[in-house]
Amino acid sequence: FPGSSSNVDLTALTGWIPERCNTKRGDINTDSLYKRMLDGHRTGDVLMTVATGALSKSECDRTGLVECHAYAVLDLKEVNGLRMIQLKNPWCHLRWKGKYSPLDKESWTPELQKALHFDVMSAIEYDNGVFWISWEICLHFFDVVYLNWNPKLFLYRYNLHADWAAEQGPKKDHYNLEYNPQYKLEVFGAHKPCTMWILLSRHITEKDDFANNKEFITLHVYKTTGERVYYPDNALLTGTKINSPHYLARLNAPKGSTTYTLVVSQYEKTGTISYSVRVFSTENFKIGNIPHHYPTSTSLRGSGPPSRLVGVLTSVRTRTTQPTF
């Protein structure tokens, strides 16, 4: 078994919307993230896991944590300004040894134990892999927060499925997006500001493809009037290319009617991919493919000695020998 991601697995099991939050990125608001997690947990609309990154053997021995390992989030509570999160090692043993662990007698006051319904003495006697940790310490040792959201939070939803042929466009799209799959997304007549989530999912049907996923995909969002985008500059949301099967773009649209262009993107095409684009919205919307403005094309082939295929037309010495069309 090649291993897996809790985010991907929970999506496969439940169909809930996957969101990946890299807590080590400088642009992420971890205060807002905790509040979203707390609110979603209270309403039962989110499943949560957290994952460690690379840890040395000495760090693992000292902290009790396992490197590159996912832990289930069981509970979150804020007590007198102290933000706590309860985690479980799915191995049902090996747990946190630092502050707020069962070994930390100073931090576990009777008031805190009562607020978190936690019995330190029972926890000391039996290691079931469950432990409390502060949000700040969690952010230090855990690199990623995975969230899976209930799609019923969104009244309006739509799925589309397509292929992106390997021979369609250049291998890399750093400078030209003309041949990328593009879609017009239109919110019309929204009575209030609208929350829209767009999920790009690559279809994976082979175990080897999952184990050695070399397809880095993402989704860019442009504020347009619905036309095709040719150059990657000035995106409203610039996606991060990752080799996960899923990429989620979160968009807040203003009241009224607004139009966007969605652009599917890859880091470097290695073959034809099949994918789905799923849109979840709190207001009504319409989505459709944007055709090419130039549906027909002609290619001219020529040849010549290599010595004549150098230089530029502005060069007086070489321009009379250059192929000219």
Protein backbone atom coordinates (compact mmCIF):
# COMPACT_ATOMS: atom_id res chain seq x y z
CA PHE A 1 0.00 0.00 0.00
CA PRO A 2 1.56 3.32 -1.07
CA GLY A 3 0.17 5.35 1.82
CA SER A 4 -2.49 8.02 1.57
CA SER A 5 -3.79 11.41 2.65
CA SER A 6 -6.53 11.65 5.26
CA ASN A 7 -8.05 14.50 3.24
CA VAL A 8 -8.29 12.40 0.06
CA ASP A 9 -9.51 9.34 1.97
CA LEU A 10 -12.31 11.23 3.73
CA THR A 11 -13.42 12.72 0.41
CA ALA A 12 -13.59 9.22 -1.10
CA LEU A 13 -15.53 7.90 1.91
CA THR A 14 -17.95 10.79 2.46
CA GLY A 15 -17.98 13.01 -0.63
CA TRP A 16 -17.33 16.03 1.61
CA ILE A 17 -15.35 18.93 0.17
CA PRO A 18 -11.59 18.66 0.85
CA GLU A 19 -9.60 21.70 1.97
CA ARG A 20 -5.85 21.64 2.63
CA CYS A 21 -4.36 24.34 4.87
CA ASN A 22 -0.56 24.56 5.00
CA THR A 23 0.03 26.16 8.40
CA LYS A 24 3.68 26.91 7.57
CA ARG A 25 2.73 29.38 4.84
CA GLY A 26 3.16 32.97 5.93
CA ASP A 27 -0.08 34.16 4.33
CA ILE A 28 -2.45 31.92 6.30
CA ASN A 29 -4.45 33.47 9.14
CA THR A 30 -4.28 30.80 11.85
CA ASP A 31 -6.65 32.72 14.14
CA SER A 32 -9.31 32.71 11.45
CA LEU A 33 -8.57 29.04 10.70
CA TYR A 34 -9.15 28.01 14.32
CA LYS A 35 -12.44 29.93 14.42
CA ARG A 36 -13.63 28.25 11.20
CA MET A 37 -12.71 24.86 12.63
CA LEU A 38 -14.46 25.63 15.93
CA ASP A 39 -17.63 26.89 14.22
CA GLY A 40 -17.73 23.93 11.80
CA HIS A 41 -17.19 21.47 14.64
CA ARG A 42 -20.02 22.96 16.68
CA THR A 43 -22.49 22.50 13.81
CA GLY A 44 -21.14 19.10 12.75
CA ASP A 45 -20.29 20.32 9.26
CA VAL A 46 -16.56 19.53 9.14
CA LEU A 47 -14.31 16.49 9.57
CA MET A 48 -10.77 17.42 10.60
CA THR A 49 -7.31 15.89 10.68
CA VAL A 50 -3.84 17.34 11.19
CA ALA A 51 -0.51 16.00 9.94
CA THR A 52 3.06 16.31 11.13
CA GLY A 53 5.94 16.99 8.78
CA ALA A 54 9.47 15.64 8.95
CA LEU A 55 10.71 15.13 12.52
CA SER A 56 14.06 13.81 13.67
CA LYS A 57 14.22 10.66 15.78
CA SER A 58 15.18 12.71 18.81
CA GLU A 59 12.16 15.01 18.26
CA CYS A 60 9.86 12.00 17.99
CA ASP A 61 11.26 10.49 21.19
CA ARG A 62 11.02 13.80 23.04
CA THR A 63 7.52 14.80 21.89
CA GLY A 64 5.83 11.43 21.44
CA LEU A 65 4.72 12.43 17.95
CA VAL A 66 5.15 10.39 14.76
CA GLU A 67 6.70 12.10 11.73
CA CYS A 68 4.65 12.53 8.52
CA HIS A 69 1.60 11.12 10.28
CA ALA A 70 -2.07 12.14 10.37
CA TYR A 71 -4.02 12.57 13.61
CA ALA A 72 -7.80 12.84 13.94
CA VAL A 73 -9.25 16.01 15.49
CA LEU A 74 -11.81 14.96 18.09
CA ASP A 75 -12.67 18.24 19.78
CA LEU A 76 -11.86 21.94 20.05
CA LYS A 77 -12.55 24.21 23.00
CA GLU A 78 -11.58 27.72 24.06
CA VAL A 79 -11.24 28.18 27.82
CA ASN A 80 -10.53 31.67 29.16
CA GLY A 81 -8.66 32.59 26.00
CA LEU A 82 -6.74 29.29 25.89
CA ARG A 83 -7.39 27.57 22.55
CA MET A 84 -7.18 23.79 22.88
CA ILE A 85 -7.51 20.97 20.38
CA GLN A 86 -7.98 17.28 21.15
CA LEU A 87 -6.20 14.84 18.83
CA LYS A 88 -6.03 11.08 18.44
CA ASN A 89 -3.25 8.97 17.02
CA PRO A 90 -5.08 6.38 14.86
CA TRP A 91 -2.63 3.74 16.14
CA CYS A 92 -4.44 4.10 19.52
CA HIS A 93 -1.14 4.54 21.34
CA LEU A 94 1.83 6.93 21.30
CA ARG A 95 0.73 10.40 22.31
CA TRP A 96 1.99 13.90 23.01
CA LYS A 97 4.50 14.23 25.88
CA GLY A 98 4.81 18.01 26.13
CA LYS A 99 2.74 20.77 27.71
CA TYR A 100 -0.86 19.74 28.47
CA SER A 101 0.05 16.06 28.15
CA PRO A 102 -1.06 13.75 31.01
CA LEU A 103 2.49 14.05 32.35
CA ASP A 104 2.17 17.84 32.73
CA LYS A 105 0.76 18.20 36.27
CA GLU A 106 1.26 21.97 36.44
CA SER A 107 -0.91 22.91 33.45
CA TRP A 108 -3.85 20.64 34.28
CA THR A 109 -5.63 22.68 36.91
CA PRO A 110 -8.93 21.34 38.29
CA GLU A 111 -10.76 24.12 36.42
CA LEU A 112 -9.18 23.18 33.07
CA GLN A 113 -9.86 19.47 33.62
CA LYS A 114 -13.51 20.23 34.32
CA ALA A 115 -13.86 22.53 31.28
CA LEU A 116 -12.37 19.91 28.94
CA HIS A 117 -13.97 16.88 30.64
CA PHE A 118 -10.50 15.39 31.02
CA ASP A 119 -9.36 13.07 33.82
CA VAL A 120 -5.57 13.28 34.09
CA MET A 121 -5.25 10.27 36.42
CA SER A 122 -7.17 7.99 34.04
CA ALA A 123 -5.13 9.25 31.11
CA ILE A 124 -1.87 8.47 32.92
CA GLU A 125 -2.95 4.87 33.50
CA TYR A 126 -3.99 4.13 29.91
CA ASP A 127 -2.46 5.42 26.65
CA ASN A 128 -5.17 5.27 23.99
CA GLY A 129 -3.47 7.81 21.69
CA VAL A 130 -5.84 10.64 22.71
CA PHE A 131 -4.42 13.92 24.00
CA TRP A 132 -5.06 17.65 24.33
CA ILE A 133 -2.62 20.22 22.97
CA SER A 134 -2.78 24.00 22.68
CA TRP A 135 -3.45 25.47 19.24
CA GLU A 136 -0.16 27.38 19.29
CA ILE A 137 1.88 24.26 20.05
CA CYS A 138 -0.10 22.32 17.46
CA LEU A 139 0.86 24.86 14.81
CA HIS A 140 4.53 24.42 15.74
CA PHE A 141 4.63 20.65 15.30
CA PHE A 142 1.90 20.01 12.72
CA ASP A 143 2.43 21.25 9.16
CA VAL A 144 -1.00 20.75 7.59
CA VAL A 145 -4.63 20.97 8.66
CA TYR A 146 -7.04 18.93 6.52
CA LEU A 147 -10.71 19.89 6.52
CA ASN A 148 -13.60 18.09 4.82
CA TRP A 149 -16.74 20.21 4.63
CA ASN A 150 -20.37 19.20 4.30
CA PRO A 151 -21.46 20.08 0.73
CA LYS A 152 -24.98 20.75 2.02
CA LEU A 153 -23.62 24.05 3.38
CA PHE A 154 -24.10 25.26 -0.21
CA LEU A 155 -27.56 25.50 -1.72
CA TYR A 156 -26.31 25.52 -5.33
CA ARG A 157 -23.93 22.89 -6.74
CA TYR A 158 -22.79 21.73 -10.17
CA ASN A 159 -20.29 19.15 -11.52
CA LEU A 160 -18.62 18.97 -14.92
CA HIS A 161 -16.16 16.39 -16.24
CA ALA A 162 -13.59 16.74 -19.02
CA ASP A 163 -10.26 15.62 -20.46
CA TRP A 164 -7.13 17.65 -21.15
CA ALA A 165 -5.21 16.01 -24.00
CA ALA A 166 -1.43 15.90 -23.69
CA GLU A 167 -0.99 17.31 -27.19
CA GLN A 168 -3.27 20.30 -26.46
CA GLY A 169 -0.98 23.29 -25.96
CA PRO A 170 2.60 23.57 -24.73
CA LYS A 171 4.09 21.27 -22.08
CA LYS A 172 4.31 24.18 -19.62
CA ASP A 173 1.87 27.07 -19.34
CA HIS A 174 4.09 29.62 -17.60
CA TYR A 175 3.65 32.19 -20.37
CA ASN A 176 0.63 31.13 -22.42
CA LEU A 177 -2.78 29.91 -21.21
CA GLU A 178 -4.49 29.88 -24.61
CA TYR A 179 -4.81 26.08 -24.80
CA ASN A 180 -5.69 25.47 -21.16
CA PRO A 181 -9.24 24.35 -20.37
CA GLN A 182 -11.19 27.47 -19.39
CA TYR A 183 -14.70 28.04 -18.07
CA LYS A 184 -16.97 31.02 -17.68
CA LEU A 185 -18.47 31.25 -14.19
CA GLU A 186 -21.29 33.75 -13.75
CA VAL A 187 -23.09 34.71 -10.56
CA PHE A 188 -26.30 36.50 -11.45
CA GLY A 189 -28.65 38.52 -9.32
CA ALA A 190 -27.09 37.64 -5.95
CA HIS A 191 -29.13 39.32 -3.22
CA LYS A 192 -26.13 39.34 -0.87
CA PRO A 193 -22.40 38.62 -1.01
CA CYS A 194 -21.83 35.10 -2.20
CA THR A 195 -19.44 32.36 -1.06
CA MET A 196 -18.23 30.10 -3.87
CA TRP A 197 -15.89 27.12 -3.65
CA ILE A 198 -14.47 25.57 -6.82
CA LEU A 199 -12.98 22.10 -6.49
CA LEU A 200 -10.68 20.72 -9.18
CA SER A 201 -10.23 16.93 -8.94
CA ARG A 202 -8.00 14.80 -11.13
CA HIS A 203 -9.34 11.31 -11.83
CA ILE A 204 -7.01 8.59 -10.51
CA THR A 205 -7.89 4.98 -11.31
CA GLU A 206 -4.56 3.18 -10.91
CA LYS A 207 -2.66 2.49 -7.67
CA ASP A 208 0.69 3.32 -9.32
CA ASP A 209 -0.68 6.68 -10.45
CA PHE A 210 -1.68 7.43 -6.86
CA ALA A 211 1.63 6.24 -5.41
CA ASN A 212 3.75 8.18 -7.91
CA ASN A 213 1.54 11.16 -8.67
CA LYS A 214 3.62 13.49 -10.86
CA GLU A 215 0.73 15.64 -12.07
CA PHE A 216 0.82 19.03 -10.34
CA ILE A 217 -2.56 20.65 -10.95
CA THR A 218 -4.27 23.85 -9.86
CA LEU A 219 -7.00 26.32 -10.71
CA HIS A 220 -6.61 30.05 -11.42
CA VAL A 221 -9.51 32.52 -11.16
CA TYR A 222 -9.69 35.75 -13.21
CA LYS A 223 -12.20 38.59 -12.90
CA THR A 224 -13.41 39.00 -16.50
CA THR A 225 -16.51 39.44 -18.61
CA GLY A 226 -16.34 35.76 -19.50
CA GLU A 227 -13.68 35.80 -22.20
CA ARG A 228 -10.72 33.43 -22.63
CA VAL A 229 -7.53 34.37 -20.78
CA TYR A 230 -4.26 34.22 -22.73
CA TYR A 231 -1.63 35.37 -20.25
CA PRO A 232 -1.21 34.33 -16.60
CA ASP A 233 -0.84 37.87 -15.21
CA ASN A 234 -3.39 39.69 -13.03
CA ALA A 235 -5.23 36.68 -11.62
CA LEU A 236 -7.80 37.32 -8.89
CA LEU A 237 -6.77 34.00 -7.30
CA THR A 238 -3.53 32.31 -8.32
CA GLY A 239 -3.60 28.62 -7.52
CA THR A 240 -0.70 26.67 -6.07
CA LYS A 241 0.32 23.65 -8.14
CA ILE A 242 0.27 20.52 -5.95
CA ASN A 243 0.37 16.81 -6.73
CA SER A 244 -2.74 16.10 -4.69
CA PRO A 245 -5.79 14.80 -6.60
CA HIS A 246 -7.78 17.80 -5.31
CA TYR A 247 -7.32 21.56 -5.35
CA LEU A 248 -9.87 23.91 -3.75
CA ALA A 249 -10.26 27.59 -4.68
CA ARG A 250 -12.36 29.67 -2.26
CA LEU A 251 -13.99 32.78 -3.69
CA ASN A 252 -16.13 35.55 -2.22
CA ALA A 253 -18.31 37.26 -4.82
CA PRO A 254 -20.01 40.61 -4.21
CA LYS A 255 -23.73 41.27 -4.27
CA GLY A 256 -25.25 41.45 -7.76
CA SER A 257 -23.92 39.87 -10.96
CA THR A 258 -20.25 38.96 -11.40
CA THR A 259 -18.36 36.99 -14.05
CA TYR A 260 -15.12 35.04 -13.74
CA THR A 261 -12.88 32.92 -15.93
CA LEU A 262 -11.63 29.67 -14.41
CA VAL A 263 -8.37 28.28 -15.84
CA VAL A 264 -7.21 24.71 -15.23
CA SER A 265 -3.42 24.59 -15.02
CA GLN A 266 -0.59 22.05 -14.71
CA TYR A 267 3.07 22.49 -13.82
CA GLU A 268 4.30 20.24 -16.61
CA LYS A 269 2.09 17.97 -18.68
CA THR A 270 3.19 14.35 -18.79
CA GLY A 271 0.07 12.87 -20.35
CA THR A 272 -3.65 13.25 -20.93
CA ILE A 273 -5.60 13.83 -17.71
CA SER A 274 -9.27 13.47 -16.86
CA TYR A 275 -10.70 15.78 -14.25
CA SER A 276 -13.83 17.22 -12.66
CA VAL A 277 -14.68 20.79 -11.72
CA ARG A 278 -17.25 21.08 -8.96
CA VAL A 279 -18.74 24.44 -7.98
CA PHE A 280 -20.45 25.01 -4.63
CA SER A 281 -22.23 28.33 -4.07
CA THR A 282 -24.58 30.08 -1.66
CA GLU A 283 -26.18 31.93 -4.60
CA ASN A 284 -27.34 30.84 -8.06
CA PHE A 285 -24.72 30.65 -10.82
CA LYS A 286 -24.03 29.38 -14.32
CA ILE A 287 -20.86 27.73 -15.67
CA GLY A 288 -19.85 26.77 -19.20
CA ASN A 289 -16.86 26.04 -21.40
CA ILE A 290 -15.15 28.99 -23.13
CA PRO A 291 -14.41 28.08 -26.77
CA HIS A 292 -11.30 29.17 -28.63
CA HIS A 293 -11.64 32.43 -30.59
CA TYR A 294 -9.64 30.88 -33.42
CA PRO A 295 -11.14 27.41 -34.00
CA THR A 296 -9.06 26.70 -37.13
CA SER A 297 -5.32 26.87 -37.67
CA THR A 298 -2.73 26.10 -40.34
CA SER A 299 0.80 24.83 -39.83
CA LEU A 300 3.63 25.40 -42.30
CA ARG A 301 6.70 23.21 -42.22
CA GLY A 302 10.06 24.04 -43.73
CA SER A 303 13.70 23.17 -43.46
CA GLY A 304 17.08 24.62 -44.11
CA PRO A 305 20.75 24.28 -43.18
CA PRO A 306 21.29 24.89 -39.45
CA SER A 307 23.63 27.74 -40.27
CA ARG A 308 20.72 29.60 -41.85
CA LEU A 309 18.30 29.03 -38.98
CA VAL A 310 20.00 31.44 -36.61
CA GLY A 311 19.89 35.17 -36.14
CA VAL A 312 16.93 37.54 -36.44
CA LEU A 313 15.33 39.34 -39.34
CA THR A 314 16.81 42.64 -38.24
CA SER A 315 20.27 41.31 -38.94
CA VAL A 316 21.38 42.64 -42.33
CA ARG A 317 23.90 39.82 -42.69
CA THR A 318 21.46 36.92 -42.16
CA ARG A 319 17.98 38.11 -43.04
CA THR A 320 18.25 37.31 -46.77
CA THR A 321 18.97 33.66 -45.98
CA GLN A 322 16.30 33.23 -43.29
CA PRO A 323 13.06 31.35 -44.07
CA THR A 324 10.41 34.03 -44.50
CA PHE A 325 6.59 33.63 -44.49
